[in-house]
PDB file of N, CA and C in Angstrom:
ATOM      1  N   MET A   1     -44.543   5.626  17.254  1.00  0.00           N
ATOM      2  CA  MET A   1     -43.338   5.299  17.302  1.00  0.00           C
ATOM      3  C   MET A   1     -42.481   4.106  17.139  1.00  0.00           C
ATOM      4  N   LYS A   2     -41.863   4.122  16.133  1.00  0.00           N
ATOM      5  CA  LYS A   2     -41.062   2.583  16.017  1.00  0.00           C
ATOM      6  C   LYS A   2     -40.172   2.428  16.755  1.00  0.00           C
ATOM      7  N   GLY A   3     -40.348   0.918  16.502  1.00  0.00           N
ATOM      8  CA  GLY A   3     -39.678  -0.040  18.058  1.00  0.00           C
ATOM      9  C   GLY A   3     -37.967   0.074  17.092  1.00  0.00           C
ATOM     10  N   HIS A   4     -37.183  -0.384  18.452  1.00  0.00           N
ATOM     11  CA  HIS A   4     -35.937  -0.638  17.394  1.00  0.00           C
ATOM     12  C   HIS A   4     -36.318  -2.352  16.464  1.00  0.00           C
ATOM     13  N   HIS A   5     -35.304  -2.120  15.574  1.00  0.00           N
ATOM     14  CA  HIS A   5     -34.883  -3.084  14.565  1.00  0.00           C
ATOM     15  C   HIS A   5     -34.752  -3.925  15.057  1.00  0.00           C
ATOM     16  N   ILE A   6     -34.891  -5.377  14.894  1.00  0.00           N
ATOM     17  CA  ILE A   6     -33.844  -6.415  15.552  1.00  0.00           C
ATOM     18  C   ILE A   6     -33.517  -7.272  14.071  1.00  0.00           C
ATOM     19  N   THR A   7     -31.850  -7.786  14.010  1.00  0.00           N
ATOM     20  CA  THR A   7     -31.160  -7.932  13.275  1.00  0.00           C
ATOM     21  C   THR A   7     -31.305  -9.234  13.182  1.00  0.00           C
ATOM     22  N   PRO A   8     -31.828 -10.153  12.006  1.00  0.00           N
ATOM     23  CA  PRO A   8     -31.403 -11.871  11.887  1.00  0.00           C
ATOM     24  C   PRO A   8     -30.394 -12.508  12.693  1.00  0.00           C
ATOM     25  N   ARG A   9     -30.401 -13.377  13.039  1.00  0.00           N
ATOM     26  CA  ARG A   9     -29.066 -13.656  13.901  1.00  0.00           C
ATOM     27  C   ARG A   9     -28.789 -14.474  12.531  1.00  0.00           C
ATOM     28  N   LYS A  10     -29.038 -14.898  11.254  1.00  0.00           N
ATOM     29  CA  LYS A  10     -28.485 -15.620   9.998  1.00  0.00           C
ATOM     30  C   LYS A  10     -27.699 -14.175   9.707  1.00  0.00           C
ATOM     31  N   THR A  11     -28.059 -13.017   9.430  1.00  0.00           N
ATOM     32  CA  THR A  11     -27.540 -12.080   8.991  1.00  0.00           C
ATOM     33  C   THR A  11     -26.185 -11.319   9.965  1.00  0.00           C
ATOM     34  N   LEU A  12     -26.668 -11.359  10.738  1.00  0.00           N
ATOM     35  CA  LEU A  12     -25.447 -10.995  11.668  1.00  0.00           C
ATOM     36  C   LEU A  12     -24.241 -11.793  11.903  1.00  0.00           C
ATOM     37  N   LEU A  13     -24.531 -13.540  11.155  1.00  0.00           N
ATOM     38  CA  LEU A  13     -23.167 -14.166  11.010  1.00  0.00           C
ATOM     39  C   LEU A  13     -22.965 -14.046   9.924  1.00  0.00           C
ATOM     40  N   LYS A  14     -23.490 -14.088   9.232  1.00  0.00           N
ATOM     41  CA  LYS A  14     -22.783 -13.938   7.360  1.00  0.00           C
ATOM     42  C   LYS A  14     -21.958 -12.527   8.093  1.00  0.00           C
ATOM     43  N   VAL A  15     -22.772 -11.626   8.134  1.00  0.00           N
ATOM     44  CA  VAL A  15     -21.446 -10.501   8.520  1.00  0.00           C
ATOM     45  C   VAL A  15     -20.394 -10.576   8.701  1.00  0.00           C
ATOM     46  N   PHE A  16     -20.371 -11.220  10.216  1.00  0.00           N
ATOM     47  CA  PHE A  16     -19.637 -11.679  11.123  1.00  0.00           C
ATOM     48  C   PHE A  16     -18.445 -12.888  10.073  1.00  0.00           C
ATOM     49  N   ALA A  17     -18.677 -13.860   9.230  1.00  0.00           N
ATOM     50  CA  ALA A  17     -18.212 -14.229   8.539  1.00  0.00           C
ATOM     51  C   ALA A  17     -17.138 -13.694   7.173  1.00  0.00           C
ATOM     52  N   VAL A  18     -17.909 -12.304   6.917  1.00  0.00           N
ATOM     53  CA  VAL A  18     -16.836 -11.446   6.023  1.00  0.00           C
ATOM     54  C   VAL A  18     -16.008 -10.963   6.232  1.00  0.00           C
ATOM     55  N   LEU A  19     -16.601 -10.413   7.790  1.00  0.00           N
ATOM     56  CA  LEU A  19     -15.461  -9.682   8.672  1.00  0.00           C
ATOM     57  C   LEU A  19     -14.478 -10.654   8.653  1.00  0.00           C
ATOM     58  N   VAL A  20     -14.552 -11.930   8.936  1.00  0.00           N
ATOM     59  CA  VAL A  20     -13.518 -12.754   9.466  1.00  0.00           C
ATOM     60  C   VAL A  20     -12.663 -12.547   7.667  1.00  0.00           C
ATOM     61  N   ALA A  21     -13.270 -12.788   6.601  1.00  0.00           N
ATOM     62  CA  ALA A  21     -12.560 -13.411   5.755  1.00  0.00           C
ATOM     63  C   ALA A  21     -11.602 -12.024   5.202  1.00  0.00           C
ATOM     64  N   LEU A  22     -12.345 -10.549   5.794  1.00  0.00           N
ATOM     65  CA  LEU A  22     -11.807  -9.512   5.364  1.00  0.00           C
ATOM     66  C   LEU A  22     -10.469  -9.498   6.144  1.00  0.00           C
ATOM     67  N   THR A  23     -10.631  -9.784   7.304  1.00  0.00           N
ATOM     68  CA  THR A  23      -9.424  -9.906   8.598  1.00  0.00           C
ATOM     69  C   THR A  23      -8.444 -10.529   7.587  1.00  0.00           C
ATOM     70  N   ALA A  24      -8.308 -12.139   7.140  1.00  0.00           N
ATOM     71  CA  ALA A  24      -7.573 -12.593   6.265  1.00  0.00           C
ATOM     72  C   ALA A  24      -7.268 -12.149   5.575  1.00  0.00           C
ATOM     73  N   LEU A  25      -8.023 -11.702   4.654  1.00  0.00           N
ATOM     74  CA  LEU A  25      -7.356 -11.184   3.349  1.00  0.00           C
ATOM     75  C   LEU A  25      -6.377  -9.802   3.941  1.00  0.00           C
ATOM     76  N   THR A  26      -6.907  -9.152   4.339  1.00  0.00           N
ATOM     77  CA  THR A  26      -5.529  -7.759   5.149  1.00  0.00           C
ATOM     78  C   THR A  26      -4.775  -8.980   5.677  1.00  0.00           C
ATOM     79  N   ALA A  27      -4.450 -10.123   6.552  1.00  0.00           N
ATOM     80  CA  ALA A  27      -3.095 -10.359   6.525  1.00  0.00           C
ATOM     81  C   ALA A  27      -2.492 -10.949   5.414  1.00  0.00           C
ATOM     82  N   LEU A  28      -2.839 -11.733   4.577  1.00  0.00           N
ATOM     83  CA  LEU A  28      -2.534 -12.186   2.769  1.00  0.00           C
ATOM     84  C   LEU A  28      -2.327 -11.278   2.442  1.00  0.00           C
ATOM     85  N   THR A  29      -2.128  -9.738   2.268  1.00  0.00           N
ATOM     86  CA  THR A  29      -2.057  -8.970   1.486  1.00  0.00           C
ATOM     87  C   THR A  29      -0.922  -7.765   1.880  1.00  0.00           C
ATOM     88  N   ALA A  30      -0.951  -7.384   3.275  1.00  0.00           N
ATOM     89  CA  ALA A  30       0.370  -7.071   4.515  1.00  0.00           C
ATOM     90  C   ALA A  30       1.781  -8.173   3.914  1.00  0.00           C
ATOM     91  N   GLN A  31       1.280  -9.018   3.916  1.00  0.00           N
ATOM     92  CA  GLN A  31       3.013 -10.507   3.297  1.00  0.00           C
ATOM     93  C   GLN A  31       3.135  -9.980   1.810  1.00  0.00           C
ATOM     94  N   ILE A  32       2.583  -9.493   0.899  1.00  0.00           N
ATOM     95  CA  ILE A  32       2.317  -8.862  -0.856  1.00  0.00           C
ATOM     96  C   ILE A  32       3.106  -7.620  -0.471  1.00  0.00           C
ATOM     97  N   ASP A  33       3.847  -7.703  -1.238  1.00  0.00           N
ATOM     98  CA  ASP A  33       4.237  -5.988  -1.213  1.00  0.00           C
ATOM     99  C   ASP A  33       4.267  -5.420  -2.998  1.00  0.00           C
ATOM    100  N   ILE A  34       3.287  -4.892  -2.698  1.00  0.00           N
ATOM    101  CA  ILE A  34       2.623  -4.665  -3.962  1.00  0.00           C
ATOM    102  C   ILE A  34       2.943  -3.218  -4.294  1.00  0.00           C
ATOM    103  N   GLY A  35       3.864  -2.393  -3.773  1.00  0.00           N
ATOM    104  CA  GLY A  35       3.824  -1.242  -4.021  1.00  0.00           C
ATOM    105  C   GLY A  35       3.100   0.199  -3.890  1.00  0.00           C
ATOM    106  N   ALA A  36       3.377   0.904  -4.312  1.00  0.00           N
ATOM    107  CA  ALA A  36       2.120   1.874  -3.834  1.00  0.00           C
ATOM    108  C   ALA A  36       1.006   2.026  -3.311  1.00  0.00           C
ATOM    109  N   LEU A  37       0.301   0.527  -4.180  1.00  0.00           N
ATOM    110  CA  LEU A  37      -1.083  -0.231  -3.279  1.00  0.00           C
ATOM    111  C   LEU A  37      -1.341  -0.532  -2.272  1.00  0.00           C
ATOM    112  N   ASN A  38      -0.347  -0.980  -1.600  1.00  0.00           N
ATOM    113  CA  ASN A  38      -0.224  -1.731  -0.135  1.00  0.00           C
ATOM    114  C   ASN A  38      -0.915  -0.409   1.074  1.00  0.00           C
ATOM    115  N   ILE A  39      -0.979   0.926   0.635  1.00  0.00           N
ATOM    116  CA  ILE A  39      -1.816   1.378   1.949  1.00  0.00           C
ATOM    117  C   ILE A  39      -2.958   1.814   1.315  1.00  0.00           C
ATOM    118  N   PRO A  40      -3.278   1.958   0.043  1.00  0.00           N
ATOM    119  CA  PRO A  40      -4.687   1.991  -0.327  1.00  0.00           C
ATOM    120  C   PRO A  40      -5.451   1.030  -0.264  1.00  0.00           C
ATOM    121  N   LEU A  41      -5.290  -0.368  -0.247  1.00  0.00           N
ATOM    122  CA  LEU A  41      -5.823  -1.617  -0.417  1.00  0.00           C
ATOM    123  C   LEU A  41      -5.804  -1.792   0.990  1.00  0.00           C
ATOM    124  N   ALA A  42      -5.293  -1.462   1.464  1.00  0.00           N
ATOM    125  CA  ALA A  42      -5.144  -2.085   3.478  1.00  0.00           C
ATOM    126  C   ALA A  42      -6.151  -0.622   3.561  1.00  0.00           C
ATOM    127  N   LEU A  43      -6.490   0.193   3.515  1.00  0.00           N
ATOM    128  CA  LEU A  43      -7.010   1.304   3.700  1.00  0.00           C
ATOM    129  C   LEU A  43      -8.758   0.873   3.097  1.00  0.00           C
ATOM    130  N   ALA A  44      -8.362   0.509   1.685  1.00  0.00           N
ATOM    131  CA  ALA A  44      -9.838   0.274   1.117  1.00  0.00           C
ATOM    132  C   ALA A  44     -10.620  -1.135   2.127  1.00  0.00           C
ATOM    133  N   ILE A  45     -10.185  -2.094   2.090  1.00  0.00           N
ATOM    134  CA  ILE A  45      -9.966  -3.102   3.185  1.00  0.00           C
ATOM    135  C   ILE A  45     -10.536  -2.764   4.692  1.00  0.00           C
ATOM    136  N   ALA A  46     -10.088  -2.166   5.302  1.00  0.00           N
ATOM    137  CA  ALA A  46     -10.348  -1.636   6.531  1.00  0.00           C
ATOM    138  C   ALA A  46     -11.875  -0.725   6.362  1.00  0.00           C
ATOM    139  N   GLY A  47     -12.029   0.230   5.885  1.00  0.00           N
ATOM    140  CA  GLY A  47     -12.989   1.052   5.298  1.00  0.00           C
ATOM    141  C   GLY A  47     -14.288   0.038   5.143  1.00  0.00           C
ATOM    142  N   THR A  48     -14.094  -0.601   4.157  1.00  0.00           N
ATOM    143  CA  THR A  48     -15.365  -1.857   3.857  1.00  0.00           C
ATOM    144  C   THR A  48     -15.800  -2.345   5.306  1.00  0.00           C
ATOM    145  N   LYS A  49     -14.931  -2.734   6.104  1.00  0.00           N
ATOM    146  CA  LYS A  49     -14.936  -3.564   7.110  1.00  0.00           C
ATOM    147  C   LYS A  49     -15.503  -2.954   8.919  1.00  0.00           C
ATOM    148  N   ALA A  50     -15.468  -1.386   8.361  1.00  0.00           N
ATOM    149  CA  ALA A  50     -15.885  -0.056   9.320  1.00  0.00           C
ATOM    150  C   ALA A  50     -17.188  -0.381   8.648  1.00  0.00           C
ATOM    151  N   LEU A  51     -17.388  -0.110   7.754  1.00  0.00           N
ATOM    152  CA  LEU A  51     -19.107   0.173   7.382  1.00  0.00           C
ATOM    153  C   LEU A  51     -19.705  -1.021   6.979  1.00  0.00           C
ATOM    154  N   LEU A  52     -19.506  -2.545   7.543  1.00  0.00           N
ATOM    155  CA  LEU A  52     -20.087  -3.383   7.692  1.00  0.00           C
ATOM    156  C   LEU A  52     -20.719  -3.154   8.533  1.00  0.00           C
ATOM    157  N   VAL A  53     -19.845  -3.244  10.209  1.00  0.00           N
ATOM    158  CA  VAL A  53     -20.069  -3.052  11.021  1.00  0.00           C
ATOM    159  C   VAL A  53     -21.179  -1.634  11.689  1.00  0.00           C
ATOM    160  N   VAL A  54     -20.815  -0.470  10.613  1.00  0.00           N
ATOM    161  CA  VAL A  54     -21.576   0.797  11.306  1.00  0.00           C
ATOM    162  C   VAL A  54     -22.769   0.112  10.191  1.00  0.00           C
ATOM    163  N   LEU A  55     -23.100  -0.866   9.482  1.00  0.00           N
ATOM    164  CA  LEU A  55     -24.218  -0.798   9.192  1.00  0.00           C
ATOM    165  C   LEU A  55     -25.750  -1.681   9.797  1.00  0.00           C
ATOM    166  N   PHE A  56     -24.769  -3.126   9.995  1.00  0.00           N
ATOM    167  CA  PHE A  56     -24.999  -4.154  10.437  1.00  0.00           C
ATOM    168  C   PHE A  56     -25.237  -4.212  12.322  1.00  0.00           C
ATOM    169  N   PHE A  57     -24.159  -4.411  12.686  1.00  0.00           N
ATOM    170  CA  PHE A  57     -24.060  -4.118  14.123  1.00  0.00           C
ATOM    171  C   PHE A  57     -24.266  -2.825  14.950  1.00  0.00           C
ATOM    172  N   MET A  58     -24.275  -1.760  14.168  1.00  0.00           N
ATOM    173  CA  MET A  58     -24.829  -0.620  14.890  1.00  0.00           C
ATOM    174  C   MET A  58     -26.203  -0.079  13.977  1.00  0.00           C
ATOM    175  N   ALA A  59     -26.781  -1.205  13.413  1.00  0.00           N
ATOM    176  CA  ALA A  59     -27.509  -0.896  12.818  1.00  0.00           C
ATOM    177  C   ALA A  59     -28.102   0.350  11.859  1.00  0.00           C
ATOM    178  N   LEU A  60     -27.243   0.780  12.109  1.00  0.00           N
ATOM    179  CA  LEU A  60     -27.252   2.126  10.428  1.00  0.00           C
ATOM    180  C   LEU A  60     -28.013   2.092   9.587  1.00  0.00           C
ATOM    181  N   LYS A  61     -28.198   0.797   8.983  1.00  0.00           N
ATOM    182  CA  LYS A  61     -28.871   0.370   7.852  1.00  0.00           C
ATOM    183  C   LYS A  61     -30.318   0.636   8.120  1.00  0.00           C
ATOM    184  N   TYR A  62     -30.664   0.435   9.257  1.00  0.00           N
ATOM    185  CA  TYR A  62     -32.309   0.699   9.780  1.00  0.00           C
ATOM    186  C   TYR A  62     -33.033   2.264  10.241  1.00  0.00           C
ATOM    187  N   ASP A  63     -31.251   2.707  10.557  1.00  0.00           N
ATOM    188  CA  ASP A  63     -31.907   3.892  11.309  1.00  0.00           C
ATOM    189  C   ASP A  63     -32.427   4.954  10.443  1.00  0.00           C
ATOM    190  N   LYS A  64     -32.857   5.909  11.155  1.00  0.00           N
ATOM    191  CA  LYS A  64     -33.062   7.293  10.014  1.00  0.00           C
ATOM    192  C   LYS A  64     -31.836   7.670   8.962  1.00  0.00           C
ATOM    193  N   PRO A  65     -32.516   7.936   7.804  1.00  0.00           N
ATOM    194  CA  PRO A  65     -31.301   8.354   6.904  1.00  0.00           C
ATOM    195  C   PRO A  65     -30.587   9.833   7.547  1.00  0.00           C
ATOM    196  N   VAL A  66     -31.056  10.585   8.251  1.00  0.00           N
ATOM    197  CA  VAL A  66     -30.359  11.607   8.132  1.00  0.00           C
ATOM    198  C   VAL A  66     -28.820  11.067   9.389  1.00  0.00           C
ATOM    199  N   ASN A  67     -28.720  10.530   9.880  1.00  0.00           N
ATOM    200  CA  ASN A  67     -27.775   9.494  10.595  1.00  0.00           C
ATOM    201  C   ASN A  67     -26.899   9.256   9.652  1.00  0.00           C
ATOM    202  N   ALA A  68     -27.745   8.180   8.707  1.00  0.00           N
ATOM    203  CA  ALA A  68     -26.681   8.144   7.476  1.00  0.00           C
ATOM    204  C   ALA A  68     -25.927   9.151   6.893  1.00  0.00           C
ATOM    205  N   LEU A  69     -26.752  10.661   6.693  1.00  0.00           N
ATOM    206  CA  LEU A  69     -26.158  11.173   5.956  1.00  0.00           C
ATOM    207  C   LEU A  69     -25.272  12.254   6.753  1.00  0.00           C
ATOM    208  N   PHE A  70     -25.057  12.164   8.258  1.00  0.00           N
ATOM    209  CA  PHE A  70     -23.425  12.657   8.890  1.00  0.00           C
ATOM    210  C   PHE A  70     -22.753  11.643   8.862  1.00  0.00           C
ATOM    211  N   PHE A  71     -22.732  10.123   9.150  1.00  0.00           N
ATOM    212  CA  PHE A  71     -21.965   8.953   8.848  1.00  0.00           C
ATOM    213  C   PHE A  71     -20.987   9.626   7.357  1.00  0.00           C
ATOM    214  N   ALA A  72     -21.973   9.616   6.051  1.00  0.00           N
ATOM    215  CA  ALA A  72     -21.176   9.686   5.035  1.00  0.00           C
ATOM    216  C   ALA A  72     -20.591  10.914   4.932  1.00  0.00           C
ATOM    217  N   LEU A  73     -20.693  12.349   5.617  1.00  0.00           N
ATOM    218  CA  LEU A  73     -20.119  12.926   5.647  1.00  0.00           C
ATOM    219  C   LEU A  73     -18.691  13.247   6.328  1.00  0.00           C
ATOM    220  N   GLY A  74     -18.752  12.596   7.758  1.00  0.00           N
ATOM    221  CA  GLY A  74     -17.946  12.151   8.218  1.00  0.00           C
ATOM    222  C   GLY A  74     -16.894  11.295   7.859  1.00  0.00           C
ATOM    223  N   ILE A  75     -17.105  10.179   6.818  1.00  0.00           N
ATOM    224  CA  ILE A  75     -16.311   9.596   5.802  1.00  0.00           C
ATOM    225  C   ILE A  75     -16.162  10.215   4.633  1.00  0.00           C
ATOM    226  N   LEU A  76     -16.980  11.367   4.582  1.00  0.00           N
ATOM    227  CA  LEU A  76     -15.850  12.351   3.315  1.00  0.00           C
ATOM    228  C   LEU A  76     -14.527  12.962   4.077  1.00  0.00           C
ATOM    229  N   PHE A  77     -15.118  13.480   4.603  1.00  0.00           N
ATOM    230  CA  PHE A  77     -14.057  14.636   5.299  1.00  0.00           C
ATOM    231  C   PHE A  77     -12.375  13.616   6.159  1.00  0.00           C
ATOM    232  N   VAL A  78     -12.734  12.495   6.752  1.00  0.00           N
ATOM    233  CA  VAL A  78     -11.837  11.617   6.729  1.00  0.00           C
ATOM    234  C   VAL A  78     -10.775  11.168   5.580  1.00  0.00           C
ATOM    235  N   VAL A  79     -11.710  10.915   4.343  1.00  0.00           N
ATOM    236  CA  VAL A  79     -10.947  10.684   3.191  1.00  0.00           C
ATOM    237  C   VAL A  79     -10.228  12.471   2.241  1.00  0.00           C
ATOM    238  N   VAL A  80     -10.635  12.973   3.158  1.00  0.00           N
ATOM    239  CA  VAL A  80     -10.186  14.436   2.647  1.00  0.00           C
ATOM    240  C   VAL A  80      -8.840  14.796   3.135  1.00  0.00           C
ATOM    241  N   PHE A  81      -8.720  14.151   4.191  1.00  0.00           N
ATOM    242  CA  PHE A  81      -8.164  14.585   5.345  1.00  0.00           C
ATOM    243  C   PHE A  81      -6.542  13.603   5.015  1.00  0.00           C
ATOM    244  N   LEU A  82      -6.903  11.990   4.989  1.00  0.00           N
ATOM    245  CA  LEU A  82      -6.200  11.328   4.949  1.00  0.00           C
ATOM    246  C   LEU A  82      -5.365  11.625   3.186  1.00  0.00           C
ATOM    247  N   THR A  83      -6.604  11.701   2.196  1.00  0.00           N
ATOM    248  CA  THR A  83      -5.893  11.933   0.852  1.00  0.00           C
ATOM    249  C   THR A  83      -4.443  13.108   1.106  1.00  0.00           C
ATOM    250  N   PHE A  84      -5.045  14.475   1.892  1.00  0.00           N
ATOM    251  CA  PHE A  84      -3.763  15.389   2.253  1.00  0.00           C
ATOM    252  C   PHE A  84      -2.372  14.798   2.883  1.00  0.00           C
ATOM    253  N   THR A  85      -2.821  14.098   3.484  1.00  0.00           N
ATOM    254  CA  THR A  85      -1.937  13.656   4.633  1.00  0.00           C
ATOM    255  C   THR A  85      -0.679  12.671   3.696  1.00  0.00           C
ATOM    256  N   LEU A  86      -1.741  12.144   2.841  1.00  0.00           N
ATOM    257  CA  LEU A  86      -0.685  10.757   2.237  1.00  0.00           C
ATOM    258  C   LEU A  86      -0.035  11.528   1.048  1.00  0.00           C
ATOM    259  N   PHE A  87      -0.708  12.489   0.496  1.00  0.00           N
ATOM    260  CA  PHE A  87       0.089  13.704  -0.458  1.00  0.00           C
ATOM    261  C   PHE A  87       1.235  14.204  -0.151  1.00  0.00           C
ATOM    262  N   ASP A  88       0.902  14.446   1.482  1.00  0.00           N
ATOM    263  CA  ASP A  88       2.103  15.335   2.195  1.00  0.00           C
ATOM    264  C   ASP A  88       2.762  14.068   1.981  1.00  0.00           C
ATOM    265  N   THR A  89       3.093  13.324   2.896  1.00  0.00           N
ATOM    266  CA  THR A  89       3.699  11.923   3.450  1.00  0.00           C
ATOM    267  C   THR A  89       4.678  11.761   2.204  1.00  0.00           C
ATOM    268  N   ALA A  90       3.831  11.515   0.786  1.00  0.00           N
ATOM    269  CA  ALA A  90       4.768  10.932  -0.649  1.00  0.00           C
ATOM    270  C   ALA A  90       5.351  11.972  -0.761  1.00  0.00           C
ATOM    271  N   PHE A  91       5.345  13.145  -0.990  1.00  0.00           N
ATOM    272  CA  PHE A  91       5.997  14.383  -1.261  1.00  0.00           C
ATOM    273  C   PHE A  91       7.215  14.787  -0.762  1.00  0.00           C
ATOM    274  N   ARG A  92       7.346  14.953   0.682  1.00  0.00           N
ATOM    275  CA  ARG A  92       8.017  15.232   1.988  1.00  0.00           C
ATOM    276  C   ARG A  92       9.635  14.975   1.442  1.00  0.00           C
ATOM    277  N   GLY A  93      10.387  16.049   1.621  1.00  0.00           N
ATOM    278  CA  GLY A  93      11.508  15.928   1.230  1.00  0.00           C
ATOM    279  C   GLY A  93      11.807  16.100  -0.593  1.00  0.00           C
ATOM    280  N   ASP A  94      11.149  16.731  -0.950  1.00  0.00           N
ATOM    281  CA  ASP A  94      11.141  16.326  -2.806  1.00  0.00           C
ATOM    282  C   ASP A  94      11.207  17.566  -2.882  1.00  0.00           C
ATOM    283  N   LEU A  95      12.612  18.144  -2.627  1.00  0.00           N
ATOM    284  CA  LEU A  95      12.849  19.823  -2.844  1.00  0.00           C
ATOM    285  C   LEU A  95      14.007  20.061  -4.724  1.00  0.00           C
ATOM    286  N   GLY A  96      13.543  18.950  -4.902  1.00  0.00           N
ATOM    287  CA  GLY A  96      14.256  18.672  -6.065  1.00  0.00           C
ATOM    288  C   GLY A  96      14.130  20.147  -7.139  1.00  0.00           C
ATOM    289  N   ASN A  97      12.290  20.544  -7.258  1.00  0.00           N
ATOM    290  CA  ASN A  97      12.104  21.472  -7.946  1.00  0.00           C
ATOM    291  C   ASN A  97      12.780  22.996  -7.275  1.00  0.00           C
ATOM    292  N   VAL A  98      13.027  23.114  -6.757  1.00  0.00           N
ATOM    293  CA  VAL A  98      13.560  24.755  -5.691  1.00  0.00           C
ATOM    294  C   VAL A  98      14.742  24.572  -6.206  1.00  0.00           C
ATOM    295  N   GLY A  99      15.012  25.826  -6.616  1.00  0.00           N
ATOM    296  CA  GLY A  99      16.512  25.922  -7.547  1.00  0.00           C
ATOM    297  C   GLY A  99      17.279  26.822  -6.533  1.00  0.00           C
ATOM    298  N   LYS A 100      18.511  27.322  -6.850  1.00  0.00           N
ATOM    299  CA  LYS A 100      19.350  28.306  -5.593  1.00  0.00           C
ATOM    300  C   LYS A 100      18.652  29.559  -6.141  1.00  0.00           C
ATOM    301  N   GLU A 101      18.135  29.936  -7.080  1.00  0.00           N
ATOM    302  CA  GLU A 101      17.386  31.326  -7.649  1.00  0.00           C
ATOM    303  C   GLU A 101      16.760  31.651  -6.614  1.00  0.00           C
ATOM    304  N   ALA A 102      15.163  30.859  -6.470  1.00  0.00           N
ATOM    305  CA  ALA A 102      15.120  30.776  -5.559  1.00  0.00           C
ATOM    306  C   ALA A 102      15.216  30.553  -3.925  1.00  0.00           C
ATOM    307  N   ILE A 103      16.094  30.723  -3.648  1.00  0.00           N
ATOM    308  CA  ILE A 103      16.057  31.054  -2.160  1.00  0.00           C
ATOM    309  C   ILE A 103      17.117  31.923  -2.176  1.00  0.00           C
ATOM    310  N   LEU A 104      18.127  32.239  -3.052  1.00  0.00           N
ATOM    311  CA  LEU A 104      18.716  33.435  -2.740  1.00  0.00           C
ATOM    312  C   LEU A 104      17.819  34.611  -3.178  1.00  0.00           C
ATOM    313  N   ASN A 105      16.361  34.303  -3.834  1.00  0.00           N
ATOM    314  CA  ASN A 105      15.796  35.430  -3.746  1.00  0.00           C
ATOM    315  C   ASN A 105      14.975  35.896  -2.409  1.00  0.00           C
ATOM    316  N   THR A 106      14.965  34.953  -1.400  1.00  0.00           N
ATOM    317  CA  THR A 106      14.595  35.285   0.022  1.00  0.00           C
ATOM    318  C   THR A 106      14.838  36.081   0.879  1.00  0.00           C
ATOM    319  N   GLU A 107      16.888  36.430   0.574  1.00  0.00           N
ATOM    320  CA  GLU A 107      17.733  36.457   1.403  1.00  0.00           C
ATOM    321  C   GLU A 107      16.977  38.727   1.760  1.00  0.00           C
ATOM    322  N   GLY A 108      17.124  39.044   2.469  1.00  0.00           N
ATOM    323  CA  GLY A 108      17.042  40.333   2.859  1.00  0.00           C
ATOM    324  C   GLY A 108      15.692  40.483   3.217  1.00  0.00           C
ATOM    325  N   THR A 109      14.354  39.561   2.714  1.00  0.00           N
ATOM    326  CA  THR A 109      12.919  40.048   2.492  1.00  0.00           C
ATOM    327  C   THR A 109      12.688  39.450   4.078  1.00  0.00           C
ATOM    328  N   GLY A 110      13.100  38.877   4.917  1.00  0.00           N
ATOM    329  CA  GLY A 110      12.900  38.811   6.152  1.00  0.00           C
ATOM    330  C   GLY A 110      12.021  37.628   6.037  1.00  0.00           C
ATOM    331  N   GLN A 111      11.751  36.722   5.369  1.00  0.00           N
ATOM    332  CA  GLN A 111      11.206  34.993   5.292  1.00  0.00           C
ATOM    333  C   GLN A 111      12.398  34.591   5.964  1.00  0.00           C
ATOM    334  N   ASP A 112      13.592  34.592   5.485  1.00  0.00           N
ATOM    335  CA  ASP A 112      14.588  33.487   6.539  1.00  0.00           C
ATOM    336  C   ASP A 112      14.541  33.396   8.010  1.00  0.00           C
ATOM    337  N   GLU A 113      14.671  34.687   8.744  1.00  0.00           N
ATOM    338  CA  GLU A 113      14.628  34.409   9.844  1.00  0.00           C
ATOM    339  C   GLU A 113      13.538  33.984  11.135  1.00  0.00           C
TER     340      GLU A 113
END
């Protein structure tokens, strides 16, 4: 049976320094308006920080590959759900493509009740 992997202190300190730098980058980019890229950039930085924490501080890098597979599947589902949520909020209230005819066609069908 394998023992628990001990991550060297030097590696942990390097990862910590990168996490602090990414946190500073998050604070700096929050002050800059880059339009539609604000949210994707913030999510990319947060995802990178989460990945570093999971890989090194939670030792997923040295764990069984099946655990990495489950982690990757979880991340995939989160990305899919966030994508659908962002699409929903980006186009909410966009009813310019619905004409008066489409609304009139639903009258008498029981859909408007």
